[in-house]
């Protein structure tokens, strides 16, 4: 069912929804430089004419998250304090990203991650329709241009908002609104088409040892910016914080980490499993376009949002890297 709603009325509906939900959408940050997911109370705050610089994952997978508190004689698991659920305005690629994280945290190894699940269970999405593909997107190539897991969809026009209602939990909010024939549309073509490398267990060792990877040793800064903006990167580190010197009281936090960081594989003994930026890039490409699909069997991990290319201070292109690797494999590189 579809509705055509004036923007002022839609803001009133957002106010009603805010009694039950924390409402997030891509909006300008405090410095008005970056587009990040933040709380909104008006449709005018939603940035629609450019891609968000960060993904929606930090709403339901926080950058820093307290897992438990420890005292002299006990350990207390942290609690999710806010009782409200999350309603997130997001584009198809970000909605599809959460399914990849679900695989990692909920379907990996036979046990569900408590700290991820208790926030994930709160999430409902409003599909933010893409009128056309952004420059760096290649979502069509990886099948992430179409999303299905959303409660509402919106097309934001100059004077009104068209709404598609899929979730019966939201019916009461639109009972008295003007109906219209609207169903969400999705992009069917990008300016870029990624060439996905055919990596298998048969050629894995050969591809791993290519000279191709060494070019990144001098080019990559190992800053991890690409991991930060990626909607499907899931790696984290754990940090113990002691409240006072000499005290046994403190907390353990889960903090985002990333495979492109120099110290990502550093062990307590001082050794590193991957010692160069090229080795880290190889790991990232394999993770996004080989082992995730090999393990879970449906889709590649990358959703084709292109944020990593935009974020890189050295202008290294993950898209170009993947395409070049494809070509090398096709040429029978050794």
C-alpha atoms as a PDB file:
ATOM      1  CA  UNK A   1       0.000   0.000   0.000  1.00  0.00           C
ATOM      2  CA  UNK A   2       1.235   3.505  -0.835  1.00  0.00           C
ATOM      3  CA  UNK A   3       0.612   6.982   0.552  1.00  0.00           C
ATOM      4  CA  UNK A   4       1.329  10.515  -0.597  1.00  0.00           C
ATOM      5  CA  UNK A   5       2.020  12.765   2.406  1.00  0.00           C
ATOM      6  CA  UNK A   6       2.939  16.434   2.682  1.00  0.00           C
ATOM      7  CA  UNK A   7       6.313  16.982   4.331  1.00  0.00           C
ATOM      8  CA  UNK A   8       4.864  18.871   7.289  1.00  0.00           C
ATOM      9  CA  UNK A   9       2.480  16.001   7.983  1.00  0.00           C
ATOM     10  CA  UNK A  10       5.281  13.463   7.560  1.00  0.00           C
ATOM     11  CA  UNK A  11       7.243  15.316  10.246  1.00  0.00           C
ATOM     12  CA  UNK A  12       4.249  14.926  12.549  1.00  0.00           C
ATOM     13  CA  UNK A  13       4.271  11.185  11.860  1.00  0.00           C
ATOM     14  CA  UNK A  14       7.991  11.088  12.680  1.00  0.00           C
ATOM     15  CA  UNK A  15       7.128  12.707  16.003  1.00  0.00           C
ATOM     16  CA  UNK A  16       4.599   9.978  16.697  1.00  0.00           C
ATOM     17  CA  UNK A  17       7.090   7.278  15.715  1.00  0.00           C
ATOM     18  CA  UNK A  18       9.718   8.825  18.000  1.00  0.00           C
ATOM     19  CA  UNK A  19       7.632   7.817  21.014  1.00  0.00           C
ATOM     20  CA  UNK A  20       8.511   4.192  20.203  1.00  0.00           C
ATOM     21  CA  UNK A  21      11.633   4.399  18.044  1.00  0.00           C
ATOM     22  CA  UNK A  22      14.983   6.103  17.911  1.00  0.00           C
ATOM     23  CA  UNK A  23      14.929   7.389  14.345  1.00  0.00           C
ATOM     24  CA  UNK A  24      18.200   7.481  12.396  1.00  0.00           C
ATOM     25  CA  UNK A  25      18.981   8.656   8.885  1.00  0.00           C
ATOM     26  CA  UNK A  26      21.944   9.942   6.858  1.00  0.00           C
ATOM     27  CA  UNK A  27      22.411  13.547   7.952  1.00  0.00           C
ATOM     28  CA  UNK A  28      25.186  16.122   8.092  1.00  0.00           C
ATOM     29  CA  UNK A  29      27.422  15.883  11.143  1.00  0.00           C
ATOM     30  CA  UNK A  30      27.925  18.760  13.579  1.00  0.00           C
ATOM     31  CA  UNK A  31      30.651  20.300  11.376  1.00  0.00           C
ATOM     32  CA  UNK A  32      28.393  19.931   8.308  1.00  0.00           C
ATOM     33  CA  UNK A  33      31.184  18.161   6.409  1.00  0.00           C
ATOM     34  CA  UNK A  34      30.396  14.474   6.616  1.00  0.00           C
ATOM     35  CA  UNK A  35      27.139  12.607   6.138  1.00  0.00           C
ATOM     36  CA  UNK A  36      26.717  10.098   8.967  1.00  0.00           C
ATOM     37  CA  UNK A  37      23.772   8.267  10.457  1.00  0.00           C
ATOM     38  CA  UNK A  38      22.332  10.331  13.280  1.00  0.00           C
ATOM     39  CA  UNK A  39      19.016  10.913  15.007  1.00  0.00           C
ATOM     40  CA  UNK A  40      16.464  13.022  13.137  1.00  0.00           C
ATOM     41  CA  UNK A  41      13.110  14.642  13.904  1.00  0.00           C
ATOM     42  CA  UNK A  42      12.363  16.099  10.462  1.00  0.00           C
ATOM     43  CA  UNK A  43      12.506  14.761   6.920  1.00  0.00           C
ATOM     44  CA  UNK A  44      14.411  17.925   5.956  1.00  0.00           C
ATOM     45  CA  UNK A  45      17.415  16.623   7.921  1.00  0.00           C
ATOM     46  CA  UNK A  46      17.794  13.590   5.664  1.00  0.00           C
ATOM     47  CA  UNK A  47      20.538  14.034   3.052  1.00  0.00           C
ATOM     48  CA  UNK A  48      19.271  12.656  -0.253  1.00  0.00           C
ATOM     49  CA  UNK A  49      21.495  14.232  -2.896  1.00  0.00           C
ATOM     50  CA  UNK A  50      24.737  12.451  -1.945  1.00  0.00           C
ATOM     51  CA  UNK A  51      25.838   9.156  -0.546  1.00  0.00           C
ATOM     52  CA  UNK A  52      26.479   8.944   3.166  1.00  0.00           C
ATOM     53  CA  UNK A  53      30.177   8.890   4.071  1.00  0.00           C
ATOM     54  CA  UNK A  54      29.618   6.202   6.717  1.00  0.00           C
ATOM     55  CA  UNK A  55      27.357   3.170   6.800  1.00  0.00           C
ATOM     56  CA  UNK A  56      24.431   2.547   9.129  1.00  0.00           C
ATOM     57  CA  UNK A  57      26.200  -0.210  11.075  1.00  0.00           C
ATOM     58  CA  UNK A  58      27.370   1.995  13.945  1.00  0.00           C
ATOM     59  CA  UNK A  59      23.723   2.291  15.050  1.00  0.00           C
ATOM     60  CA  UNK A  60      23.363  -1.437  15.792  1.00  0.00           C
ATOM     61  CA  UNK A  61      27.070  -2.332  16.043  1.00  0.00           C
ATOM     62  CA  UNK A  62      28.594   0.557  18.054  1.00  0.00           C
ATOM     63  CA  UNK A  63      32.195   1.683  17.576  1.00  0.00           C
ATOM     64  CA  UNK A  64      32.804   1.058  21.279  1.00  0.00           C
ATOM     65  CA  UNK A  65      30.564  -1.220  23.309  1.00  0.00           C
ATOM     66  CA  UNK A  66      30.869  -2.281  26.959  1.00  0.00           C
ATOM     67  CA  UNK A  67      30.550  -6.052  27.181  1.00  0.00           C
ATOM     68  CA  UNK A  68      30.843  -6.556  30.924  1.00  0.00           C
ATOM     69  CA  UNK A  69      32.032  -4.979  34.146  1.00  0.00           C
ATOM     70  CA  UNK A  70      34.418  -6.700  36.526  1.00  0.00           C
ATOM     71  CA  UNK A  71      34.734  -6.182  40.259  1.00  0.00           C
ATOM     72  CA  UNK A  72      36.850  -7.771  42.975  1.00  0.00           C
ATOM     73  CA  UNK A  73      34.535 -10.705  43.391  1.00  0.00           C
ATOM     74  CA  UNK A  74      32.185 -10.777  40.388  1.00  0.00           C
ATOM     75  CA  UNK A  75      31.521 -10.066  36.712  1.00  0.00           C
ATOM     76  CA  UNK A  76      28.371  -8.258  35.508  1.00  0.00           C
ATOM     77  CA  UNK A  77      27.242  -8.375  31.882  1.00  0.00           C
ATOM     78  CA  UNK A  78      26.323  -4.953  30.550  1.00  0.00           C
ATOM     79  CA  UNK A  79      22.710  -4.164  29.732  1.00  0.00           C
ATOM     80  CA  UNK A  80      21.116  -2.456  26.728  1.00  0.00           C
ATOM     81  CA  UNK A  81      19.797   0.596  28.548  1.00  0.00           C
ATOM     82  CA  UNK A  82      17.493   2.248  26.004  1.00  0.00           C
ATOM     83  CA  UNK A  83      14.154   0.485  25.679  1.00  0.00           C
ATOM     84  CA  UNK A  84      13.288   2.091  22.323  1.00  0.00           C
ATOM     85  CA  UNK A  85      13.812   0.234  19.054  1.00  0.00           C
ATOM     86  CA  UNK A  86      15.722   1.630  16.054  1.00  0.00           C
ATOM     87  CA  UNK A  87      14.038   2.874  12.884  1.00  0.00           C
ATOM     88  CA  UNK A  88      16.750   3.506  10.289  1.00  0.00           C
ATOM     89  CA  UNK A  89      16.334   5.290   6.952  1.00  0.00           C
ATOM     90  CA  UNK A  90      18.860   3.531   4.712  1.00  0.00           C
ATOM     91  CA  UNK A  91      19.562   2.717   1.092  1.00  0.00           C
ATOM     92  CA  UNK A  92      19.384  -0.802  -0.321  1.00  0.00           C
ATOM     93  CA  UNK A  93      23.113  -1.499   0.049  1.00  0.00           C
ATOM     94  CA  UNK A  94      23.055  -0.663   3.776  1.00  0.00           C
ATOM     95  CA  UNK A  95      19.956  -2.774   4.341  1.00  0.00           C
ATOM     96  CA  UNK A  96      21.696  -5.663   2.601  1.00  0.00           C
ATOM     97  CA  UNK A  97      24.863  -5.050   4.641  1.00  0.00           C
ATOM     98  CA  UNK A  98      23.152  -6.018   7.881  1.00  0.00           C
ATOM     99  CA  UNK A  99      22.390  -9.452   6.477  1.00  0.00           C
ATOM    100  CA  UNK A 100      26.146  -9.997   6.025  1.00  0.00           C
ATOM    101  CA  UNK A 101      26.796  -8.978   9.627  1.00  0.00           C
ATOM    102  CA  UNK A 102      23.995 -11.288  10.750  1.00  0.00           C
ATOM    103  CA  UNK A 103      25.899 -14.152   9.151  1.00  0.00           C
ATOM    104  CA  UNK A 104      29.062 -13.262  11.066  1.00  0.00           C
ATOM    105  CA  UNK A 105      27.511 -12.609  14.473  1.00  0.00           C
ATOM    106  CA  UNK A 106      24.474 -14.878  14.515  1.00  0.00           C
ATOM    107  CA  UNK A 107      25.201 -17.819  12.202  1.00  0.00           C
ATOM    108  CA  UNK A 108      28.926 -18.365  12.570  1.00  0.00           C
ATOM    109  CA  UNK A 109      30.258 -21.164  14.757  1.00  0.00           C
ATOM    110  CA  UNK A 110      26.991 -22.336  16.276  1.00  0.00           C
ATOM    111  CA  UNK A 111      26.535 -19.553  18.855  1.00  0.00           C
ATOM    112  CA  UNK A 112      24.903 -16.147  18.578  1.00  0.00           C
ATOM    113  CA  UNK A 113      26.730 -13.040  19.735  1.00  0.00           C
ATOM    114  CA  UNK A 114      24.687 -11.603  22.624  1.00  0.00           C
ATOM    115  CA  UNK A 115      25.931  -8.034  22.313  1.00  0.00           C
ATOM    116  CA  UNK A 116      25.161  -7.833  18.606  1.00  0.00           C
ATOM    117  CA  UNK A 117      21.826  -9.680  18.800  1.00  0.00           C
ATOM    118  CA  UNK A 118      20.250  -7.545  21.513  1.00  0.00           C
ATOM    119  CA  UNK A 119      20.705  -4.431  19.370  1.00  0.00           C
ATOM    120  CA  UNK A 120      20.020  -6.174  16.066  1.00  0.00           C
ATOM    121  CA  UNK A 121      16.615  -7.308  17.346  1.00  0.00           C
ATOM    122  CA  UNK A 122      15.648  -3.663  17.756  1.00  0.00           C
ATOM    123  CA  UNK A 123      16.265  -2.704  14.108  1.00  0.00           C
ATOM    124  CA  UNK A 124      13.643  -1.906  11.500  1.00  0.00           C
ATOM    125  CA  UNK A 125      14.436  -0.184   8.218  1.00  0.00           C
ATOM    126  CA  UNK A 126      12.867   2.499   6.076  1.00  0.00           C
ATOM    127  CA  UNK A 127      14.174   2.046   2.554  1.00  0.00           C
ATOM    128  CA  UNK A 128      15.513   5.351   1.249  1.00  0.00           C
ATOM    129  CA  UNK A 129      14.968   5.088  -2.474  1.00  0.00           C
ATOM    130  CA  UNK A 130      17.931   5.764  -4.767  1.00  0.00           C
ATOM    131  CA  UNK A 131      16.775   7.930  -7.693  1.00  0.00           C
ATOM    132  CA  UNK A 132      19.939   6.932  -9.565  1.00  0.00           C
ATOM    133  CA  UNK A 133      23.303   5.341  -8.910  1.00  0.00           C
ATOM    134  CA  UNK A 134      26.047   7.379  -7.253  1.00  0.00           C
ATOM    135  CA  UNK A 135      29.414   7.597  -9.019  1.00  0.00           C
ATOM    136  CA  UNK A 136      31.329   5.006  -6.990  1.00  0.00           C
ATOM    137  CA  UNK A 137      28.558   2.436  -6.583  1.00  0.00           C
ATOM    138  CA  UNK A 138      28.683  -1.043  -8.106  1.00  0.00           C
ATOM    139  CA  UNK A 139      25.797  -2.576  -6.151  1.00  0.00           C
ATOM    140  CA  UNK A 140      24.159  -4.071  -9.256  1.00  0.00           C
ATOM    141  CA  UNK A 141      27.245  -6.197  -9.942  1.00  0.00           C
ATOM    142  CA  UNK A 142      27.025  -7.846  -6.523  1.00  0.00           C
ATOM    143  CA  UNK A 143      23.233  -8.062  -6.315  1.00  0.00           C
ATOM    144  CA  UNK A 144      22.797  -5.505  -3.537  1.00  0.00           C
ATOM    145  CA  UNK A 145      20.812  -2.945  -5.498  1.00  0.00           C
ATOM    146  CA  UNK A 146      17.494  -4.489  -4.425  1.00  0.00           C
ATOM    147  CA  UNK A 147      16.457  -4.847  -0.789  1.00  0.00           C
ATOM    148  CA  UNK A 148      13.519  -6.729   0.669  1.00  0.00           C
ATOM    149  CA  UNK A 149      13.978  -6.483   4.433  1.00  0.00           C
ATOM    150  CA  UNK A 150      12.313  -3.136   5.100  1.00  0.00           C
ATOM    151  CA  UNK A 151       9.162  -1.995   6.890  1.00  0.00           C
ATOM    152  CA  UNK A 152       8.582   1.207   4.938  1.00  0.00           C
ATOM    153  CA  UNK A 153      10.007   2.751   1.794  1.00  0.00           C
ATOM    154  CA  UNK A 154      10.094   6.455   0.966  1.00  0.00           C
ATOM    155  CA  UNK A 155      10.638   8.680  -2.022  1.00  0.00           C
ATOM    156  CA  UNK A 156      11.348  12.209  -0.809  1.00  0.00           C
ATOM    157  CA  UNK A 157      10.210  14.880  -3.250  1.00  0.00           C
ATOM    158  CA  UNK A 158      10.326  18.684  -3.021  1.00  0.00           C
ATOM    159  CA  UNK A 159       6.864  19.022  -1.487  1.00  0.00           C
ATOM    160  CA  UNK A 160       5.808  15.576  -0.362  1.00  0.00           C
ATOM    161  CA  UNK A 161       6.933  12.113   0.672  1.00  0.00           C
ATOM    162  CA  UNK A 162       5.658   8.981  -0.996  1.00  0.00           C
ATOM    163  CA  UNK A 163       5.520   6.012   1.371  1.00  0.00           C
ATOM    164  CA  UNK A 164       5.244   2.286   0.733  1.00  0.00           C
ATOM    165  CA  UNK A 165       3.930   0.339   3.725  1.00  0.00           C
ATOM    166  CA  UNK A 166       5.053  -3.289   4.094  1.00  0.00           C
ATOM    167  CA  UNK A 167       5.003  -3.838   7.860  1.00  0.00           C
ATOM    168  CA  UNK A 168       1.600  -4.054   9.551  1.00  0.00           C
ATOM    169  CA  UNK A 169       3.155  -2.694  12.768  1.00  0.00           C
ATOM    170  CA  UNK A 170       3.088   0.739  11.112  1.00  0.00           C
ATOM    171  CA  UNK A 171      -0.451   0.679   9.717  1.00  0.00           C
ATOM    172  CA  UNK A 172      -1.948   2.809  12.483  1.00  0.00           C
ATOM    173  CA  UNK A 173       0.422   5.686  11.710  1.00  0.00           C
ATOM    174  CA  UNK A 174      -0.992   6.018   8.186  1.00  0.00           C
ATOM    175  CA  UNK A 175      -4.691   5.231   8.672  1.00  0.00           C
ATOM    176  CA  UNK A 176      -5.918   8.693   7.713  1.00  0.00           C
ATOM    177  CA  UNK A 177      -3.386   9.476   4.974  1.00  0.00           C
ATOM    178  CA  UNK A 178      -4.054   9.881   1.254  1.00  0.00           C
ATOM    179  CA  UNK A 179      -3.453   6.638  -0.600  1.00  0.00           C
ATOM    180  CA  UNK A 180      -1.562   6.562  -3.883  1.00  0.00           C
ATOM    181  CA  UNK A 181       0.042   4.023  -6.170  1.00  0.00           C
ATOM    182  CA  UNK A 182       3.632   3.919  -5.005  1.00  0.00           C
ATOM    183  CA  UNK A 183       6.087   1.060  -4.810  1.00  0.00           C
ATOM    184  CA  UNK A 184       9.798   1.506  -4.237  1.00  0.00           C
ATOM    185  CA  UNK A 185      12.015   1.465  -7.307  1.00  0.00           C
ATOM    186  CA  UNK A 186      15.620   0.311  -7.390  1.00  0.00           C
ATOM    187  CA  UNK A 187      18.595   1.218  -9.537  1.00  0.00           C
ATOM    188  CA  UNK A 188      19.247  -1.313 -12.290  1.00  0.00           C
ATOM    189  CA  UNK A 189      22.495   0.099 -13.649  1.00  0.00           C
ATOM    190  CA  UNK A 190      25.674   1.583 -12.178  1.00  0.00           C
ATOM    191  CA  UNK A 191      28.362   3.646 -13.834  1.00  0.00           C
ATOM    192  CA  UNK A 192      30.762   0.901 -12.714  1.00  0.00           C
ATOM    193  CA  UNK A 193      30.579  -2.867 -13.179  1.00  0.00           C
ATOM    194  CA  UNK A 194      32.924  -4.906 -11.024  1.00  0.00           C
ATOM    195  CA  UNK A 195      34.683  -7.928 -12.504  1.00  0.00           C
ATOM    196  CA  UNK A 196      34.578 -10.502  -9.726  1.00  0.00           C
ATOM    197  CA  UNK A 197      37.703 -12.675  -9.530  1.00  0.00           C
ATOM    198  CA  UNK A 198      37.089 -16.404  -9.669  1.00  0.00           C
ATOM    199  CA  UNK A 199      38.997 -17.577  -6.607  1.00  0.00           C
ATOM    200  CA  UNK A 200      38.647 -21.207  -5.581  1.00  0.00           C
ATOM    201  CA  UNK A 201      40.430 -23.691  -3.377  1.00  0.00           C
ATOM    202  CA  UNK A 202      42.200 -24.932  -6.500  1.00  0.00           C
ATOM    203  CA  UNK A 203      43.909 -21.610  -7.280  1.00  0.00           C
ATOM    204  CA  UNK A 204      43.945 -20.050  -3.805  1.00  0.00           C
ATOM    205  CA  UNK A 205      47.654 -20.640  -3.147  1.00  0.00           C
ATOM    206  CA  UNK A 206      48.663 -19.354  -6.575  1.00  0.00           C
ATOM    207  CA  UNK A 207      46.587 -16.190  -6.250  1.00  0.00           C
ATOM    208  CA  UNK A 208      47.887 -15.618  -2.711  1.00  0.00           C
ATOM    209  CA  UNK A 209      51.477 -15.594  -3.933  1.00  0.00           C
ATOM    210  CA  UNK A 210      51.046 -13.138  -6.815  1.00  0.00           C
ATOM    211  CA  UNK A 211      53.524 -10.246  -7.059  1.00  0.00           C
ATOM    212  CA  UNK A 212      50.400  -8.143  -7.563  1.00  0.00           C
ATOM    213  CA  UNK A 213      49.922  -7.745  -3.800  1.00  0.00           C
ATOM    214  CA  UNK A 214      53.344  -6.169  -3.210  1.00  0.00           C
ATOM    215  CA  UNK A 215      52.366  -2.913  -4.919  1.00  0.00           C
ATOM    216  CA  UNK A 216      50.313  -2.012  -1.830  1.00  0.00           C
ATOM    217  CA  UNK A 217      53.310  -2.194   0.495  1.00  0.00           C
ATOM    218  CA  UNK A 218      54.391   1.278  -0.621  1.00  0.00           C
ATOM    219  CA  UNK A 219      50.986   2.722  -1.474  1.00  0.00           C
ATOM    220  CA  UNK A 220      48.787   1.880   1.530  1.00  0.00           C
ATOM    221  CA  UNK A 221      49.070   3.854   4.781  1.00  0.00           C
ATOM    222  CA  UNK A 222      47.470   1.089   6.871  1.00  0.00           C
ATOM    223  CA  UNK A 223      45.081   3.691   8.319  1.00  0.00           C
ATOM    224  CA  UNK A 224      42.045   1.383   8.306  1.00  0.00           C
ATOM    225  CA  UNK A 225      39.750   4.103   6.960  1.00  0.00           C
ATOM    226  CA  UNK A 226      38.297   1.683   4.414  1.00  0.00           C
ATOM    227  CA  UNK A 227      37.316  -0.719   7.210  1.00  0.00           C
ATOM    228  CA  UNK A 228      35.683   2.088   9.187  1.00  0.00           C
ATOM    229  CA  UNK A 229      33.261   3.167   6.471  1.00  0.00           C
ATOM    230  CA  UNK A 230      32.491  -0.344   5.229  1.00  0.00           C
ATOM    231  CA  UNK A 231      29.033  -1.610   6.103  1.00  0.00           C
ATOM    232  CA  UNK A 232      30.144  -5.251   6.254  1.00  0.00           C
ATOM    233  CA  UNK A 233      33.480  -5.082   8.107  1.00  0.00           C
ATOM    234  CA  UNK A 234      32.919  -6.785  11.449  1.00  0.00           C
ATOM    235  CA  UNK A 235      36.324  -7.137  13.126  1.00  0.00           C
ATOM    236  CA  UNK A 236      36.848  -5.868  16.648  1.00  0.00           C
ATOM    237  CA  UNK A 237      39.408  -5.785  19.429  1.00  0.00           C
ATOM    238  CA  UNK A 238      38.754  -6.086  23.159  1.00  0.00           C
ATOM    239  CA  UNK A 239      40.112  -3.529  25.604  1.00  0.00           C
ATOM    240  CA  UNK A 240      40.115  -3.710  29.402  1.00  0.00           C
ATOM    241  CA  UNK A 241      39.701  -0.376  31.164  1.00  0.00           C
ATOM    242  CA  UNK A 242      40.725  -0.131  34.828  1.00  0.00           C
ATOM    243  CA  UNK A 243      38.931   2.690  36.604  1.00  0.00           C
ATOM    244  CA  UNK A 244      41.707   3.593  39.045  1.00  0.00           C
ATOM    245  CA  UNK A 245      45.358   2.691  39.355  1.00  0.00           C
ATOM    246  CA  UNK A 246      45.766  -0.327  41.630  1.00  0.00           C
ATOM    247  CA  UNK A 247      42.049  -1.138  41.451  1.00  0.00           C
ATOM    248  CA  UNK A 248      40.508  -4.411  40.321  1.00  0.00           C
ATOM    249  CA  UNK A 249      37.366  -2.634  39.125  1.00  0.00           C
ATOM    250  CA  UNK A 250      36.861  -1.911  35.455  1.00  0.00           C
ATOM    251  CA  UNK A 251      35.140  -2.905  32.239  1.00  0.00           C
ATOM    252  CA  UNK A 252      35.828  -4.778  29.032  1.00  0.00           C
ATOM    253  CA  UNK A 253      34.915  -2.994  25.825  1.00  0.00           C
ATOM    254  CA  UNK A 254      34.541  -4.255  22.295  1.00  0.00           C
ATOM    255  CA  UNK A 255      36.083  -1.695  19.924  1.00  0.00           C
ATOM    256  CA  UNK A 256      36.084  -1.669  16.125  1.00  0.00           C
ATOM    257  CA  UNK A 257      39.254  -2.847  14.481  1.00  0.00           C
ATOM    258  CA  UNK A 258      40.138  -3.640  10.870  1.00  0.00           C
ATOM    259  CA  UNK A 259      42.244  -5.976   8.761  1.00  0.00           C
ATOM    260  CA  UNK A 260      44.025  -3.069   7.052  1.00  0.00           C
ATOM    261  CA  UNK A 261      45.549  -1.774  10.298  1.00  0.00           C
ATOM    262  CA  UNK A 262      49.259  -2.409  10.721  1.00  0.00           C
ATOM    263  CA  UNK A 263      48.886  -4.088  14.120  1.00  0.00           C
ATOM    264  CA  UNK A 264      45.739  -6.068  13.375  1.00  0.00           C
ATOM    265  CA  UNK A 265      47.476  -9.460  13.590  1.00  0.00           C
ATOM    266  CA  UNK A 266      49.985  -8.429  16.260  1.00  0.00           C
ATOM    267  CA  UNK A 267      50.241 -11.021  19.050  1.00  0.00           C
ATOM    268  CA  UNK A 268      51.365 -10.657  22.654  1.00  0.00           C
ATOM    269  CA  UNK A 269      54.731 -12.102  21.700  1.00  0.00           C
ATOM    270  CA  UNK A 270      55.318  -9.353  19.150  1.00  0.00           C
ATOM    271  CA  UNK A 271      54.895 -11.364  15.942  1.00  0.00           C
ATOM    272  CA  UNK A 272      52.424 -10.606  13.145  1.00  0.00           C
ATOM    273  CA  UNK A 273      50.671 -13.117  10.937  1.00  0.00           C
ATOM    274  CA  UNK A 274      50.478 -10.560   8.116  1.00  0.00           C
ATOM    275  CA  UNK A 275      53.410  -8.184   8.112  1.00  0.00           C
ATOM    276  CA  UNK A 276      52.761  -5.904   5.124  1.00  0.00           C
ATOM    277  CA  UNK A 277      49.950  -3.736   3.729  1.00  0.00           C
ATOM    278  CA  UNK A 278      49.950  -5.976   0.646  1.00  0.00           C
ATOM    279  CA  UNK A 279      49.255  -9.028   2.778  1.00  0.00           C
ATOM    280  CA  UNK A 280      46.423  -7.146   4.490  1.00  0.00           C
ATOM    281  CA  UNK A 281      44.932  -6.081   1.151  1.00  0.00           C
ATOM    282  CA  UNK A 282      45.060  -9.688  -0.028  1.00  0.00           C
ATOM    283  CA  UNK A 283      43.218 -10.753   3.112  1.00  0.00           C
ATOM    284  CA  UNK A 284      40.539  -8.092   2.620  1.00  0.00           C
ATOM    285  CA  UNK A 285      39.930  -8.945  -1.031  1.00  0.00           C
ATOM    286  CA  UNK A 286      39.741 -12.660  -0.217  1.00  0.00           C
ATOM    287  CA  UNK A 287      37.347 -11.986   2.653  1.00  0.00           C
ATOM    288  CA  UNK A 288      35.000  -9.852   0.554  1.00  0.00           C
ATOM    289  CA  UNK A 289      35.127 -11.926  -2.630  1.00  0.00           C
ATOM    290  CA  UNK A 290      36.017 -15.474  -1.692  1.00  0.00           C
ATOM    291  CA  UNK A 291      35.849 -16.937   1.807  1.00  0.00           C
ATOM    292  CA  UNK A 292      32.594 -15.318   2.995  1.00  0.00           C
ATOM    293  CA  UNK A 293      30.693 -16.824   0.078  1.00  0.00           C
ATOM    294  CA  UNK A 294      32.665 -20.058   0.348  1.00  0.00           C
ATOM    295  CA  UNK A 295      31.580 -20.352   3.983  1.00  0.00           C
ATOM    296  CA  UNK A 296      27.963 -19.212   3.772  1.00  0.00           C
ATOM    297  CA  UNK A 297      27.232 -20.112   0.170  1.00  0.00           C
ATOM    298  CA  UNK A 298      24.913 -17.349  -1.052  1.00  0.00           C
ATOM    299  CA  UNK A 299      26.455 -13.971  -1.678  1.00  0.00           C
ATOM    300  CA  UNK A 300      29.734 -12.117  -1.569  1.00  0.00           C
ATOM    301  CA  UNK A 301      30.424  -9.992   1.484  1.00  0.00           C
ATOM    302  CA  UNK A 302      30.946  -6.724  -0.425  1.00  0.00           C
ATOM    303  CA  UNK A 303      27.727  -4.833  -1.213  1.00  0.00           C
ATOM    304  CA  UNK A 304      29.284  -2.462  -3.756  1.00  0.00           C
ATOM    305  CA  UNK A 305      28.687   0.831  -1.946  1.00  0.00           C
ATOM    306  CA  UNK A 306      32.116   2.182  -2.978  1.00  0.00           C
ATOM    307  CA  UNK A 307      32.686   4.062   0.280  1.00  0.00           C
ATOM    308  CA  UNK A 308      36.152   2.557   0.735  1.00  0.00           C
ATOM    309  CA  UNK A 309      37.345   4.141  -2.511  1.00  0.00           C
ATOM    310  CA  UNK A 310      35.978   7.530  -1.493  1.00  0.00           C
ATOM    311  CA  UNK A 311      37.522   7.328   1.970  1.00  0.00           C
ATOM    312  CA  UNK A 312      41.079   6.286   1.042  1.00  0.00           C
ATOM    313  CA  UNK A 313      43.545   9.183   1.592  1.00  0.00           C
ATOM    314  CA  UNK A 314      45.937   7.618  -0.951  1.00  0.00           C
ATOM    315  CA  UNK A 315      43.184   7.202  -3.548  1.00  0.00           C
ATOM    316  CA  UNK A 316      43.652   3.448  -3.673  1.00  0.00           C
ATOM    317  CA  UNK A 317      40.663   1.859  -5.368  1.00  0.00           C
ATOM    318  CA  UNK A 318      39.312  -1.392  -3.979  1.00  0.00           C
ATOM    319  CA  UNK A 319      37.097  -1.585  -7.068  1.00  0.00           C
ATOM    320  CA  UNK A 320      40.103  -1.368  -9.401  1.00  0.00           C
ATOM    321  CA  UNK A 321      42.034  -3.854  -7.256  1.00  0.00           C
ATOM    322  CA  UNK A 322      39.284  -6.452  -7.518  1.00  0.00           C
ATOM    323  CA  UNK A 323      38.898  -5.914 -11.274  1.00  0.00           C
ATOM    324  CA  UNK A 324      42.656  -6.125 -11.886  1.00  0.00           C
ATOM    325  CA  UNK A 325      42.855  -9.345  -9.888  1.00  0.00           C
ATOM    326  CA  UNK A 326      40.045 -10.770 -11.991  1.00  0.00           C
ATOM    327  CA  UNK A 327      41.974  -9.970 -15.158  1.00  0.00           C
ATOM    328  CA  UNK A 328      45.186 -11.512 -13.825  1.00  0.00           C
ATOM    329  CA  UNK A 329      43.398 -14.749 -12.964  1.00  0.00           C
ATOM    330  CA  UNK A 330      41.712 -14.822 -16.357  1.00  0.00           C
ATOM    331  CA  UNK A 331      45.104 -14.397 -18.014  1.00  0.00           C
ATOM    332  CA  UNK A 332      46.433 -17.338 -16.037  1.00  0.00           C
ATOM    333  CA  UNK A 333      48.807 -15.311 -13.877  1.00  0.00           C
ATOM    334  CA  UNK A 334      51.330 -17.220 -11.835  1.00  0.00           C
END
